[in-house]
Amino acid sequence: MKRRWTVALLALCGSAACTAPGYRDPEEAAANRRGLSDRTVETRVRVVLGEDSETAPFDSIRVRCTDGVVTLSGTVDRSGVRRRAQDLAAGCEGVVQVINEIDVR
């Protein structure tokens, strides 16, 4: 009985690690990328950042996308906002990777 619970717990913990923020299964990312232009991905990321209460005040956050790789740049006043922008971008459909070049001042 203990063995079953241990196996179940390990299976659960293992699957949770794969769904951590920012994690993207490469095959899933490639599937999401199909059919979406870089311009569409950029627009989706900009909309998400503009609608979020933490990132919306920072209209200086710039978004570029090349082959599904999103690069964020600009300046914010807190590291939490920098991380939030990265997490939001990573959650957008079509994003394969996020490069966060946002400066905190």
C-alpha atoms as a PDB file:
ATOM      1  CA  MET A   1       0.000   0.000   0.000  1.00  0.00           C
ATOM      2  CA  LYS A   2       2.800   2.431   0.900  1.00  0.00           C
ATOM      3  CA  ARG A   3       4.480   1.673  -2.403  1.00  0.00           C
ATOM      4  CA  ARG A   4       1.346   2.666  -4.358  1.00  0.00           C
ATOM      5  CA  TRP A   5       1.129   5.972  -2.526  1.00  0.00           C
ATOM      6  CA  THR A   6       4.813   6.655  -3.097  1.00  0.00           C
ATOM      7  CA  VAL A   7       4.504   5.931  -6.815  1.00  0.00           C
ATOM      8  CA  ALA A   8       1.359   8.067  -7.060  1.00  0.00           C
ATOM      9  CA  LEU A   9       3.022  10.927  -5.190  1.00  0.00           C
ATOM     10  CA  LEU A  10       6.119  10.788  -7.389  1.00  0.00           C
ATOM     11  CA  ALA A  11       3.973  10.760 -10.511  1.00  0.00           C
ATOM     12  CA  LEU A  12       2.032  13.770  -9.264  1.00  0.00           C
ATOM     13  CA  CYS A  13       5.161  15.723  -8.332  1.00  0.00           C
ATOM     14  CA  GLY A  14       6.789  14.893 -11.634  1.00  0.00           C
ATOM     15  CA  SER A  15       3.827  16.180 -13.623  1.00  0.00           C
ATOM     16  CA  ALA A  16       3.682  19.359 -11.530  1.00  0.00           C
ATOM     17  CA  ALA A  17       7.275  20.162 -12.421  1.00  0.00           C
ATOM     18  CA  CYS A  18       6.378  20.026 -16.079  1.00  0.00           C
ATOM     19  CA  THR A  19       3.647  22.607 -15.652  1.00  0.00           C
ATOM     20  CA  ALA A  20       5.708  25.148 -13.737  1.00  0.00           C
ATOM     21  CA  PRO A  21       5.448  28.755 -15.001  1.00  0.00           C
ATOM     22  CA  GLY A  22       7.731  29.379 -17.921  1.00  0.00           C
ATOM     23  CA  TYR A  23       8.108  25.677 -18.765  1.00  0.00           C
ATOM     24  CA  ARG A  24       7.274  24.777 -22.344  1.00  0.00           C
ATOM     25  CA  ASP A  25       7.348  21.279 -23.727  1.00  0.00           C
ATOM     26  CA  PRO A  26       9.295  21.727 -27.008  1.00  0.00           C
ATOM     27  CA  GLU A  27       6.856  19.582 -28.979  1.00  0.00           C
ATOM     28  CA  GLU A  28       3.877  21.472 -27.587  1.00  0.00           C
ATOM     29  CA  ALA A  29       5.539  24.791 -28.328  1.00  0.00           C
ATOM     30  CA  ALA A  30       6.232  23.753 -31.915  1.00  0.00           C
ATOM     31  CA  ALA A  31       2.618  22.642 -32.322  1.00  0.00           C
ATOM     32  CA  ASN A  32       1.374  25.963 -30.920  1.00  0.00           C
ATOM     33  CA  ARG A  33       3.704  27.839 -33.233  1.00  0.00           C
ATOM     34  CA  ARG A  34       2.255  26.350 -36.438  1.00  0.00           C
ATOM     35  CA  GLY A  35       0.187  28.828 -38.361  1.00  0.00           C
ATOM     36  CA  LEU A  36       0.908  31.858 -36.177  1.00  0.00           C
ATOM     37  CA  SER A  37       2.937  34.687 -37.642  1.00  0.00           C
ATOM     38  CA  ASP A  38       5.487  36.536 -35.533  1.00  0.00           C
ATOM     39  CA  ARG A  39       3.317  39.641 -35.845  1.00  0.00           C
ATOM     40  CA  THR A  40       0.339  37.729 -34.400  1.00  0.00           C
ATOM     41  CA  VAL A  41       2.428  36.431 -31.498  1.00  0.00           C
ATOM     42  CA  GLU A  42       3.765  39.957 -30.800  1.00  0.00           C
ATOM     43  CA  THR A  43       0.231  41.341 -30.818  1.00  0.00           C
ATOM     44  CA  ARG A  44      -1.022  38.668 -28.431  1.00  0.00           C
ATOM     45  CA  VAL A  45       1.822  39.326 -25.999  1.00  0.00           C
ATOM     46  CA  ARG A  46       1.260  43.111 -26.169  1.00  0.00           C
ATOM     47  CA  VAL A  47      -2.455  42.669 -25.475  1.00  0.00           C
ATOM     48  CA  VAL A  48      -1.814  40.404 -22.475  1.00  0.00           C
ATOM     49  CA  LEU A  49       0.776  42.812 -21.042  1.00  0.00           C
ATOM     50  CA  GLY A  50      -1.570  45.765 -21.634  1.00  0.00           C
ATOM     51  CA  GLU A  51      -4.474  44.088 -19.845  1.00  0.00           C
ATOM     52  CA  ASP A  52      -2.514  42.993 -16.768  1.00  0.00           C
ATOM     53  CA  SER A  53      -2.750  45.349 -13.788  1.00  0.00           C
ATOM     54  CA  GLU A  54       0.950  44.932 -12.928  1.00  0.00           C
ATOM     55  CA  THR A  55       2.434  45.385 -16.397  1.00  0.00           C
ATOM     56  CA  ALA A  56      -0.078  47.765 -18.030  1.00  0.00           C
ATOM     57  CA  PRO A  57       1.343  50.943 -16.422  1.00  0.00           C
ATOM     58  CA  PHE A  58       4.691  50.217 -18.093  1.00  0.00           C
ATOM     59  CA  ASP A  59       4.035  51.099 -21.693  1.00  0.00           C
ATOM     60  CA  SER A  60       7.814  51.167 -22.158  1.00  0.00           C
ATOM     61  CA  ILE A  61       7.910  47.350 -22.375  1.00  0.00           C
ATOM     62  CA  ARG A  62       8.761  46.499 -25.971  1.00  0.00           C
ATOM     63  CA  VAL A  63       7.965  43.154 -27.602  1.00  0.00           C
ATOM     64  CA  ARG A  64       9.731  41.567 -30.576  1.00  0.00           C
ATOM     65  CA  CYS A  65       9.137  38.084 -31.960  1.00  0.00           C
ATOM     66  CA  THR A  66      11.276  36.037 -34.347  1.00  0.00           C
ATOM     67  CA  ASP A  67      10.355  32.426 -35.085  1.00  0.00           C
ATOM     68  CA  GLY A  68       8.284  32.262 -31.901  1.00  0.00           C
ATOM     69  CA  VAL A  69      11.098  33.593 -29.694  1.00  0.00           C
ATOM     70  CA  VAL A  70       9.800  36.680 -27.881  1.00  0.00           C
ATOM     71  CA  THR A  71      12.257  39.314 -26.688  1.00  0.00           C
ATOM     72  CA  LEU A  72      11.055  41.735 -24.026  1.00  0.00           C
ATOM     73  CA  SER A  73      12.917  44.993 -23.466  1.00  0.00           C
ATOM     74  CA  GLY A  74      12.352  48.341 -21.800  1.00  0.00           C
ATOM     75  CA  THR A  75      12.418  49.593 -18.228  1.00  0.00           C
ATOM     76  CA  VAL A  76      10.281  48.884 -15.146  1.00  0.00           C
ATOM     77  CA  ASP A  77      10.630  49.914 -11.513  1.00  0.00           C
ATOM     78  CA  ARG A  78      10.364  46.507  -9.789  1.00  0.00           C
ATOM     79  CA  SER A  79      11.853  43.083 -10.434  1.00  0.00           C
ATOM     80  CA  GLY A  80       8.439  41.531  -9.778  1.00  0.00           C
ATOM     81  CA  VAL A  81       7.010  43.383 -12.768  1.00  0.00           C
ATOM     82  CA  ARG A  82       9.922  42.178 -14.892  1.00  0.00           C
ATOM     83  CA  ARG A  83       9.198  38.566 -13.909  1.00  0.00           C
ATOM     84  CA  ARG A  84       5.444  39.013 -14.351  1.00  0.00           C
ATOM     85  CA  ALA A  85       5.949  40.258 -17.923  1.00  0.00           C
ATOM     86  CA  GLN A  86       8.100  37.220 -18.686  1.00  0.00           C
ATOM     87  CA  ASP A  87       5.549  34.796 -17.216  1.00  0.00           C
ATOM     88  CA  LEU A  88       2.676  36.417 -19.108  1.00  0.00           C
ATOM     89  CA  ALA A  89       4.589  36.313 -22.389  1.00  0.00           C
ATOM     90  CA  ALA A  90       5.550  32.659 -21.852  1.00  0.00           C
ATOM     91  CA  GLY A  91       1.880  31.782 -21.413  1.00  0.00           C
ATOM     92  CA  CYS A  92       0.827  33.164 -24.786  1.00  0.00           C
ATOM     93  CA  GLU A  93       0.016  30.783 -27.605  1.00  0.00           C
ATOM     94  CA  GLY A  94       2.768  30.602 -30.199  1.00  0.00           C
ATOM     95  CA  VAL A  95       5.586  31.593 -27.829  1.00  0.00           C
ATOM     96  CA  VAL A  96       8.458  29.126 -27.973  1.00  0.00           C
ATOM     97  CA  GLN A  97      10.885  30.992 -25.703  1.00  0.00           C
ATOM     98  CA  VAL A  98      11.090  34.327 -23.875  1.00  0.00           C
ATOM     99  CA  ILE A  99      14.259  36.389 -23.687  1.00  0.00           C
ATOM    100  CA  ASN A 100      13.830  38.968 -20.931  1.00  0.00           C
ATOM    101  CA  GLU A 101      15.993  42.046 -21.460  1.00  0.00           C
ATOM    102  CA  ILE A 102      13.829  44.335 -19.306  1.00  0.00           C
ATOM    103  CA  ASP A 103      15.870  46.628 -17.047  1.00  0.00           C
ATOM    104  CA  VAL A 104      14.824  47.375 -13.466  1.00  0.00           C
ATOM    105  CA  ARG A 105      15.523  50.931 -12.286  1.00  0.00           C
END
